[in-house]
Amino acid sequence: MTAIEASHRPSGAKRLAEQLRAECVHADGDLYVNGDRLAAELGGSPAEFERLLRELSGSALGLDVSLEPGASPPVWRVSRR
């Protein structure tokens, strides 16, 4: 893969945001996710998905991604803005 191809490839956070946005539309409301569920559904490690969710919180266009307090394992609420 060339540097130009790599620069046009969506980042993991961007791909996850697109996936979550589509799931929110389908669910017609808030979505609750955690790294374990995303890893099982999409492949990858739960820790990587937790990192991506942290990255998306506050920065994902059209999505509100927030950590639910007191949940173990961590649960993230995802909603459309």
PDB file of N, CA and C in Angstrom:
ATOM      1  N   MET A   1       0.855  -1.172   0.000  1.00  0.00           N
ATOM      2  CA  MET A   1       0.000   0.000   0.000  1.00  0.00           C
ATOM      3  C   MET A   1       0.899   1.234   0.000  1.00  0.00           C
ATOM      4  N   THR A   2       0.605   2.155  -0.879  1.00  0.00           N
ATOM      5  CA  THR A   2       1.401   3.376  -0.947  1.00  0.00           C
ATOM      6  C   THR A   2       0.966   4.340   0.148  1.00  0.00           C
ATOM      7  N   ALA A   3       1.772   5.367   0.377  1.00  0.00           N
ATOM      8  CA  ALA A   3       1.433   6.387   1.375  1.00  0.00           C
ATOM      9  C   ALA A   3       0.151   7.115   0.998  1.00  0.00           C
ATOM     10  N   ILE A   4      -0.053   7.317  -0.297  1.00  0.00           N
ATOM     11  CA  ILE A   4      -1.272   8.001  -0.750  1.00  0.00           C
ATOM     12  C   ILE A   4      -2.490   7.122  -0.477  1.00  0.00           C
ATOM     13  N   GLU A   5      -2.393   5.818  -0.756  1.00  0.00           N
ATOM     14  CA  GLU A   5      -3.509   4.909  -0.476  1.00  0.00           C
ATOM     15  C   GLU A   5      -3.807   4.879   1.016  1.00  0.00           C
ATOM     16  N   ALA A   6      -2.763   4.827   1.835  1.00  0.00           N
ATOM     17  CA  ALA A   6      -2.947   4.792   3.284  1.00  0.00           C
ATOM     18  C   ALA A   6      -3.604   6.065   3.789  1.00  0.00           C
ATOM     19  N   SER A   7      -3.278   7.208   3.207  1.00  0.00           N
ATOM     20  CA  SER A   7      -3.851   8.465   3.684  1.00  0.00           C
ATOM     21  C   SER A   7      -5.330   8.576   3.338  1.00  0.00           C
ATOM     22  N   HIS A   8      -5.795   7.844   2.329  1.00  0.00           N
ATOM     23  CA  HIS A   8      -7.203   7.881   1.951  1.00  0.00           C
ATOM     24  C   HIS A   8      -8.019   6.774   2.605  1.00  0.00           C
ATOM     25  N   ARG A   9      -7.353   5.884   3.317  1.00  0.00           N
ATOM     26  CA  ARG A   9      -8.039   4.802   4.003  1.00  0.00           C
ATOM     27  C   ARG A   9      -8.613   5.333   5.318  1.00  0.00           C
ATOM     28  N   PRO A  10      -9.891   5.063   5.603  1.00  0.00           N
ATOM     29  CA  PRO A  10     -10.484   5.580   6.832  1.00  0.00           C
ATOM     30  C   PRO A  10      -9.791   5.022   8.073  1.00  0.00           C
ATOM     31  N   SER A  11      -9.654   5.858   9.093  1.00  0.00           N
ATOM     32  CA  SER A  11      -9.042   5.409  10.344  1.00  0.00           C
ATOM     33  C   SER A  11     -10.005   4.481  11.067  1.00  0.00           C
ATOM     34  N   GLY A  12      -9.476   3.772  12.051  1.00  0.00           N
ATOM     35  CA  GLY A  12     -10.314   2.886  12.845  1.00  0.00           C
ATOM     36  C   GLY A  12     -11.434   3.640  13.530  1.00  0.00           C
ATOM     37  N   ALA A  13     -11.130   4.832  14.047  1.00  0.00           N
ATOM     38  CA  ALA A  13     -12.142   5.638  14.724  1.00  0.00           C
ATOM     39  C   ALA A  13     -13.224   6.073  13.742  1.00  0.00           C
ATOM     40  N   LYS A  14     -12.822   6.441  12.545  1.00  0.00           N
ATOM     41  CA  LYS A  14     -13.800   6.883  11.548  1.00  0.00           C
ATOM     42  C   LYS A  14     -14.697   5.724  11.123  1.00  0.00           C
ATOM     43  N   ARG A  15     -14.107   4.562  10.908  1.00  0.00           N
ATOM     44  CA  ARG A  15     -14.903   3.379  10.534  1.00  0.00           C
ATOM     45  C   ARG A  15     -15.873   3.011  11.655  1.00  0.00           C
ATOM     46  N   LEU A  16     -15.395   3.068  12.905  1.00  0.00           N
ATOM     47  CA  LEU A  16     -16.262   2.738  14.029  1.00  0.00           C
ATOM     48  C   LEU A  16     -17.394   3.757  14.142  1.00  0.00           C
ATOM     49  N   ALA A  17     -17.102   5.034  13.957  1.00  0.00           N
ATOM     50  CA  ALA A  17     -18.140   6.068  14.008  1.00  0.00           C
ATOM     51  C   ALA A  17     -19.202   5.808  12.945  1.00  0.00           C
ATOM     52  N   GLU A  18     -18.785   5.440  11.743  1.00  0.00           N
ATOM     53  CA  GLU A  18     -19.741   5.139  10.673  1.00  0.00           C
ATOM     54  C   GLU A  18     -20.615   3.943  11.051  1.00  0.00           C
ATOM     55  N   GLN A  19     -20.005   2.916  11.625  1.00  0.00           N
ATOM     56  CA  GLN A  19     -20.739   1.727  12.050  1.00  0.00           C
ATOM     57  C   GLN A  19     -21.749   2.085  13.145  1.00  0.00           C
ATOM     58  N   LEU A  20     -21.306   2.854  14.146  1.00  0.00           N
ATOM     59  CA  LEU A  20     -22.193   3.225  15.245  1.00  0.00           C
ATOM     60  C   LEU A  20     -23.320   4.134  14.768  1.00  0.00           C
ATOM     61  N   ARG A  21     -23.004   5.035  13.863  1.00  0.00           N
ATOM     62  CA  ARG A  21     -24.023   5.932  13.301  1.00  0.00           C
ATOM     63  C   ARG A  21     -25.118   5.106  12.606  1.00  0.00           C
ATOM     64  N   ALA A  22     -24.718   4.126  11.831  1.00  0.00           N
ATOM     65  CA  ALA A  22     -25.680   3.260  11.134  1.00  0.00           C
ATOM     66  C   ALA A  22     -26.508   2.455  12.135  1.00  0.00           C
ATOM     67  N   GLU A  23     -25.887   1.959  13.193  1.00  0.00           N
ATOM     68  CA  GLU A  23     -26.622   1.195  14.205  1.00  0.00           C
ATOM     69  C   GLU A  23     -27.617   2.082  14.942  1.00  0.00           C
ATOM     70  N   CYS A  24     -27.256   3.343  15.214  1.00  0.00           N
ATOM     71  CA  CYS A  24     -28.171   4.273  15.882  1.00  0.00           C
ATOM     72  C   CYS A  24     -29.394   4.531  15.009  1.00  0.00           C
ATOM     73  N   VAL A  25     -29.181   4.689  13.727  1.00  0.00           N
ATOM     74  CA  VAL A  25     -30.300   4.908  12.806  1.00  0.00           C
ATOM     75  C   VAL A  25     -31.213   3.683  12.816  1.00  0.00           C
ATOM     76  N   HIS A  26     -30.619   2.505  12.758  1.00  0.00           N
ATOM     77  CA  HIS A  26     -31.397   1.270  12.744  1.00  0.00           C
ATOM     78  C   HIS A  26     -32.136   1.075  14.064  1.00  0.00           C
ATOM     79  N   ALA A  27     -31.497   1.411  15.181  1.00  0.00           N
ATOM     80  CA  ALA A  27     -32.107   1.234  16.502  1.00  0.00           C
ATOM     81  C   ALA A  27     -33.139   2.320  16.794  1.00  0.00           C
ATOM     82  N   ASP A  28     -33.092   3.411  16.049  1.00  0.00           N
ATOM     83  CA  ASP A  28     -34.002   4.540  16.234  1.00  0.00           C
ATOM     84  C   ASP A  28     -33.950   5.075  17.659  1.00  0.00           C
ATOM     85  N   GLY A  29     -32.736   5.201  18.183  1.00  0.00           N
ATOM     86  CA  GLY A  29     -32.563   5.730  19.535  1.00  0.00           C
ATOM     87  C   GLY A  29     -31.148   5.508  20.024  1.00  0.00           C
ATOM     88  N   ASP A  30     -30.993   5.557  21.340  1.00  0.00           N
ATOM     89  CA  ASP A  30     -29.680   5.360  21.937  1.00  0.00           C
ATOM     90  C   ASP A  30     -29.216   3.922  21.771  1.00  0.00           C
ATOM     91  N   LEU A  31     -27.914   3.784  21.722  1.00  0.00           N
ATOM     92  CA  LEU A  31     -27.267   2.495  21.570  1.00  0.00           C
ATOM     93  C   LEU A  31     -26.298   2.350  22.733  1.00  0.00           C
ATOM     94  N   TYR A  32     -26.255   1.194  23.354  1.00  0.00           N
ATOM     95  CA  TYR A  32     -25.330   0.935  24.458  1.00  0.00           C
ATOM     96  C   TYR A  32     -24.367  -0.152  24.017  1.00  0.00           C
ATOM     97  N   VAL A  33     -23.074   0.147  24.083  1.00  0.00           N
ATOM     98  CA  VAL A  33     -22.057  -0.783  23.600  1.00  0.00           C
ATOM     99  C   VAL A  33     -20.902  -0.854  24.588  1.00  0.00           C
ATOM    100  N   ASN A  34     -20.115  -1.905  24.473  1.00  0.00           N
ATOM    101  CA  ASN A  34     -18.853  -1.992  25.189  1.00  0.00           C
ATOM    102  C   ASN A  34     -17.830  -2.663  24.286  1.00  0.00           C
ATOM    103  N   GLY A  35     -16.584  -2.608  24.700  1.00  0.00           N
ATOM    104  CA  GLY A  35     -15.502  -3.144  23.882  1.00  0.00           C
ATOM    105  C   GLY A  35     -15.649  -4.621  23.599  1.00  0.00           C
ATOM    106  N   ASP A  36     -16.151  -5.378  24.585  1.00  0.00           N
ATOM    107  CA  ASP A  36     -16.315  -6.823  24.387  1.00  0.00           C
ATOM    108  C   ASP A  36     -17.318  -7.116  23.280  1.00  0.00           C
ATOM    109  N   ARG A  37     -18.463  -6.426  23.300  1.00  0.00           N
ATOM    110  CA  ARG A  37     -19.490  -6.647  22.277  1.00  0.00           C
ATOM    111  C   ARG A  37     -18.978  -6.275  20.895  1.00  0.00           C
ATOM    112  N   LEU A  38     -18.327  -5.110  20.802  1.00  0.00           N
ATOM    113  CA  LEU A  38     -17.819  -4.669  19.505  1.00  0.00           C
ATOM    114  C   LEU A  38     -16.752  -5.620  18.974  1.00  0.00           C
ATOM    115  N   ALA A  39     -15.884  -6.093  19.867  1.00  0.00           N
ATOM    116  CA  ALA A  39     -14.837  -7.030  19.450  1.00  0.00           C
ATOM    117  C   ALA A  39     -15.448  -8.327  18.932  1.00  0.00           C
ATOM    118  N   ALA A  40     -16.489  -8.814  19.607  1.00  0.00           N
ATOM    119  CA  ALA A  40     -17.137 -10.051  19.178  1.00  0.00           C
ATOM    120  C   ALA A  40     -17.843  -9.869  17.836  1.00  0.00           C
ATOM    121  N   GLU A  41     -18.477  -8.713  17.638  1.00  0.00           N
ATOM    122  CA  GLU A  41     -19.230  -8.482  16.405  1.00  0.00           C
ATOM    123  C   GLU A  41     -18.357  -8.094  15.216  1.00  0.00           C
ATOM    124  N   LEU A  42     -17.334  -7.282  15.480  1.00  0.00           N
ATOM    125  CA  LEU A  42     -16.555  -6.710  14.384  1.00  0.00           C
ATOM    126  C   LEU A  42     -15.157  -7.297  14.250  1.00  0.00           C
ATOM    127  N   GLY A  43     -14.722  -8.044  15.242  1.00  0.00           N
ATOM    128  CA  GLY A  43     -13.367  -8.587  15.226  1.00  0.00           C
ATOM    129  C   GLY A  43     -12.377  -7.562  15.739  1.00  0.00           C
ATOM    130  N   GLY A  44     -11.409  -7.991  16.476  1.00  0.00           N
ATOM    131  CA  GLY A  44     -10.426  -7.091  17.074  1.00  0.00           C
ATOM    132  C   GLY A  44     -10.408  -7.299  18.574  1.00  0.00           C
ATOM    133  N   SER A  45      -9.649  -6.460  19.250  1.00  0.00           N
ATOM    134  CA  SER A  45      -9.536  -6.608  20.697  1.00  0.00           C
ATOM    135  C   SER A  45     -10.473  -5.637  21.416  1.00  0.00           C
ATOM    136  N   PRO A  46     -11.027  -6.066  22.552  1.00  0.00           N
ATOM    137  CA  PRO A  46     -11.865  -5.159  23.335  1.00  0.00           C
ATOM    138  C   PRO A  46     -11.127  -3.883  23.740  1.00  0.00           C
ATOM    139  N   ALA A  47      -9.848  -4.011  24.070  1.00  0.00           N
ATOM    140  CA  ALA A  47      -9.068  -2.834  24.482  1.00  0.00           C
ATOM    141  C   ALA A  47      -8.965  -1.822  23.345  1.00  0.00           C
ATOM    142  N   GLU A  48      -8.809  -2.298  22.125  1.00  0.00           N
ATOM    143  CA  GLU A  48      -8.727  -1.397  20.976  1.00  0.00           C
ATOM    144  C   GLU A  48     -10.052  -0.658  20.782  1.00  0.00           C
ATOM    145  N   PHE A  49     -11.177  -1.361  20.934  1.00  0.00           N
ATOM    146  CA  PHE A  49     -12.471  -0.700  20.793  1.00  0.00           C
ATOM    147  C   PHE A  49     -12.711   0.300  21.919  1.00  0.00           C
ATOM    148  N   GLU A  50     -12.280  -0.022  23.129  1.00  0.00           N
ATOM    149  CA  GLU A  50     -12.399   0.939  24.235  1.00  0.00           C
ATOM    150  C   GLU A  50     -11.595   2.204  23.920  1.00  0.00           C
ATOM    151  N   ARG A  51     -10.399   2.030  23.371  1.00  0.00           N
ATOM    152  CA  ARG A  51      -9.565   3.185  23.003  1.00  0.00           C
ATOM    153  C   ARG A  51     -10.258   4.016  21.926  1.00  0.00           C
ATOM    154  N   LEU A  52     -10.832   3.345  20.934  1.00  0.00           N
ATOM    155  CA  LEU A  52     -11.520   4.066  19.859  1.00  0.00           C
ATOM    156  C   LEU A  52     -12.756   4.803  20.383  1.00  0.00           C
ATOM    157  N   LEU A  53     -13.495   4.181  21.302  1.00  0.00           N
ATOM    158  CA  LEU A  53     -14.670   4.845  21.881  1.00  0.00           C
ATOM    159  C   LEU A  53     -14.253   6.090  22.668  1.00  0.00           C
ATOM    160  N   ARG A  54     -13.136   5.985  23.409  1.00  0.00           N
ATOM    161  CA  ARG A  54     -12.624   7.160  24.130  1.00  0.00           C
ATOM    162  C   ARG A  54     -12.259   8.275  23.139  1.00  0.00           C
ATOM    163  N   GLU A  55     -11.653   7.870  22.037  1.00  0.00           N
ATOM    164  CA  GLU A  55     -11.272   8.833  21.004  1.00  0.00           C
ATOM    165  C   GLU A  55     -12.508   9.499  20.397  1.00  0.00           C
ATOM    166  N   LEU A  56     -13.575   8.735  20.224  1.00  0.00           N
ATOM    167  CA  LEU A  56     -14.790   9.272  19.612  1.00  0.00           C
ATOM    168  C   LEU A  56     -15.593  10.162  20.563  1.00  0.00           C
ATOM    169  N   SER A  57     -15.442   9.951  21.867  1.00  0.00           N
ATOM    170  CA  SER A  57     -16.241  10.746  22.801  1.00  0.00           C
ATOM    171  C   SER A  57     -15.834  12.211  22.672  1.00  0.00           C
ATOM    172  N   GLY A  58     -16.780  13.016  22.249  1.00  0.00           N
ATOM    173  CA  GLY A  58     -16.542  14.437  22.084  1.00  0.00           C
ATOM    174  C   GLY A  58     -16.016  14.848  20.731  1.00  0.00           C
ATOM    175  N   SER A  59     -15.709  13.877  19.857  1.00  0.00           N
ATOM    176  CA  SER A  59     -15.129  14.267  18.577  1.00  0.00           C
ATOM    177  C   SER A  59     -15.821  13.671  17.355  1.00  0.00           C
ATOM    178  N   ALA A  60     -16.799  12.813  17.551  1.00  0.00           N
ATOM    179  CA  ALA A  60     -17.452  12.156  16.417  1.00  0.00           C
ATOM    180  C   ALA A  60     -18.577  13.041  15.882  1.00  0.00           C
ATOM    181  N   LEU A  61     -18.462  13.446  14.636  1.00  0.00           N
ATOM    182  CA  LEU A  61     -19.490  14.281  14.028  1.00  0.00           C
ATOM    183  C   LEU A  61     -20.813  13.537  13.968  1.00  0.00           C
ATOM    184  N   GLY A  62     -21.862  14.168  14.466  1.00  0.00           N
ATOM    185  CA  GLY A  62     -23.191  13.589  14.399  1.00  0.00           C
ATOM    186  C   GLY A  62     -23.483  12.550  15.457  1.00  0.00           C
ATOM    187  N   LEU A  63     -22.521  12.274  16.338  1.00  0.00           N
ATOM    188  CA  LEU A  63     -22.722  11.285  17.396  1.00  0.00           C
ATOM    189  C   LEU A  63     -22.353  11.877  18.743  1.00  0.00           C
ATOM    190  N   ASP A  64     -23.075  11.448  19.765  1.00  0.00           N
ATOM    191  CA  ASP A  64     -22.719  11.757  21.139  1.00  0.00           C
ATOM    192  C   ASP A  64     -22.305  10.439  21.767  1.00  0.00           C
ATOM    193  N   VAL A  65     -21.035  10.310  22.119  1.00  0.00           N
ATOM    194  CA  VAL A  65     -20.499   9.081  22.694  1.00  0.00           C
ATOM    195  C   VAL A  65     -20.061   9.404  24.112  1.00  0.00           C
ATOM    196  N   SER A  66     -20.697   8.757  25.108  1.00  0.00           N
ATOM    197  CA  SER A  66     -20.354   9.054  26.500  1.00  0.00           C
ATOM    198  C   SER A  66     -20.302   7.772  27.319  1.00  0.00           C
ATOM    199  N   LEU A  67     -19.422   7.776  28.297  1.00  0.00           N
ATOM    200  CA  LEU A  67     -19.228   6.638  29.187  1.00  0.00           C
ATOM    201  C   LEU A  67     -20.300   6.685  30.265  1.00  0.00           C
ATOM    202  N   GLU A  68     -21.006   5.581  30.442  1.00  0.00           N
ATOM    203  CA  GLU A  68     -22.026   5.492  31.489  1.00  0.00           C
ATOM    204  C   GLU A  68     -21.323   5.308  32.836  1.00  0.00           C
ATOM    205  N   PRO A  69     -21.668   6.112  33.830  1.00  0.00           N
ATOM    206  CA  PRO A  69     -20.993   6.023  35.129  1.00  0.00           C
ATOM    207  C   PRO A  69     -21.323   4.725  35.869  1.00  0.00           C
ATOM    208  N   GLY A  70     -20.315   4.166  36.534  1.00  0.00           N
ATOM    209  CA  GLY A  70     -20.506   3.029  37.415  1.00  0.00           C
ATOM    210  C   GLY A  70     -20.683   1.676  36.762  1.00  0.00           C
ATOM    211  N   ALA A  71     -20.598   1.596  35.463  1.00  0.00           N
ATOM    212  CA  ALA A  71     -20.787   0.311  34.787  1.00  0.00           C
ATOM    213  C   ALA A  71     -19.481  -0.470  34.749  1.00  0.00           C
ATOM    214  N   SER A  72     -19.582  -1.761  34.990  1.00  0.00           N
ATOM    215  CA  SER A  72     -18.411  -2.618  34.893  1.00  0.00           C
ATOM    216  C   SER A  72     -18.818  -3.897  34.176  1.00  0.00           C
ATOM    217  N   PRO A  73     -18.265  -4.216  33.037  1.00  0.00           N
ATOM    218  CA  PRO A  73     -17.262  -3.464  32.285  1.00  0.00           C
ATOM    219  C   PRO A  73     -17.840  -2.150  31.766  1.00  0.00           C
ATOM    220  N   PRO A  74     -16.963  -1.253  31.321  1.00  0.00           N
ATOM    221  CA  PRO A  74     -17.427   0.054  30.839  1.00  0.00           C
ATOM    222  C   PRO A  74     -18.468  -0.079  29.730  1.00  0.00           C
ATOM    223  N   VAL A  75     -19.532   0.706  29.841  1.00  0.00           N
ATOM    224  CA  VAL A  75     -20.602   0.736  28.849  1.00  0.00           C
ATOM    225  C   VAL A  75     -20.675   2.155  28.300  1.00  0.00           C
ATOM    226  N   TRP A  76     -20.773   2.251  26.992  1.00  0.00           N
ATOM    227  CA  TRP A  76     -20.819   3.539  26.306  1.00  0.00           C
ATOM    228  C   TRP A  76     -22.207   3.763  25.718  1.00  0.00           C
ATOM    229  N   ARG A  77     -22.751   4.959  25.934  1.00  0.00           N
ATOM    230  CA  ARG A  77     -24.024   5.331  25.327  1.00  0.00           C
ATOM    231  C   ARG A  77     -23.703   6.111  24.056  1.00  0.00           C
ATOM    232  N   VAL A  78     -24.294   5.698  22.966  1.00  0.00           N
ATOM    233  CA  VAL A  78     -24.083   6.348  21.680  1.00  0.00           C
ATOM    234  C   VAL A  78     -25.437   6.825  21.175  1.00  0.00           C
ATOM    235  N   SER A  79     -25.537   8.099  20.844  1.00  0.00           N
ATOM    236  CA  SER A  79     -26.780   8.636  20.289  1.00  0.00           C
ATOM    237  C   SER A  79     -26.447   9.610  19.179  1.00  0.00           C
ATOM    238  N   ARG A  80     -27.435   9.832  18.318  1.00  0.00           N
ATOM    239  CA  ARG A  80     -27.259  10.800  17.236  1.00  0.00           C
ATOM    240  C   ARG A  80     -27.477  12.193  17.782  1.00  0.00           C
ATOM    241  N   ARG A  81     -26.725  13.149  17.267  1.00  0.00           N
ATOM    242  CA  ARG A  81     -26.908  14.559  17.654  1.00  0.00           C
ATOM    243  C   ARG A  81     -27.896  15.204  16.729  1.00  0.00           C
TER     244      ARG A  81
END
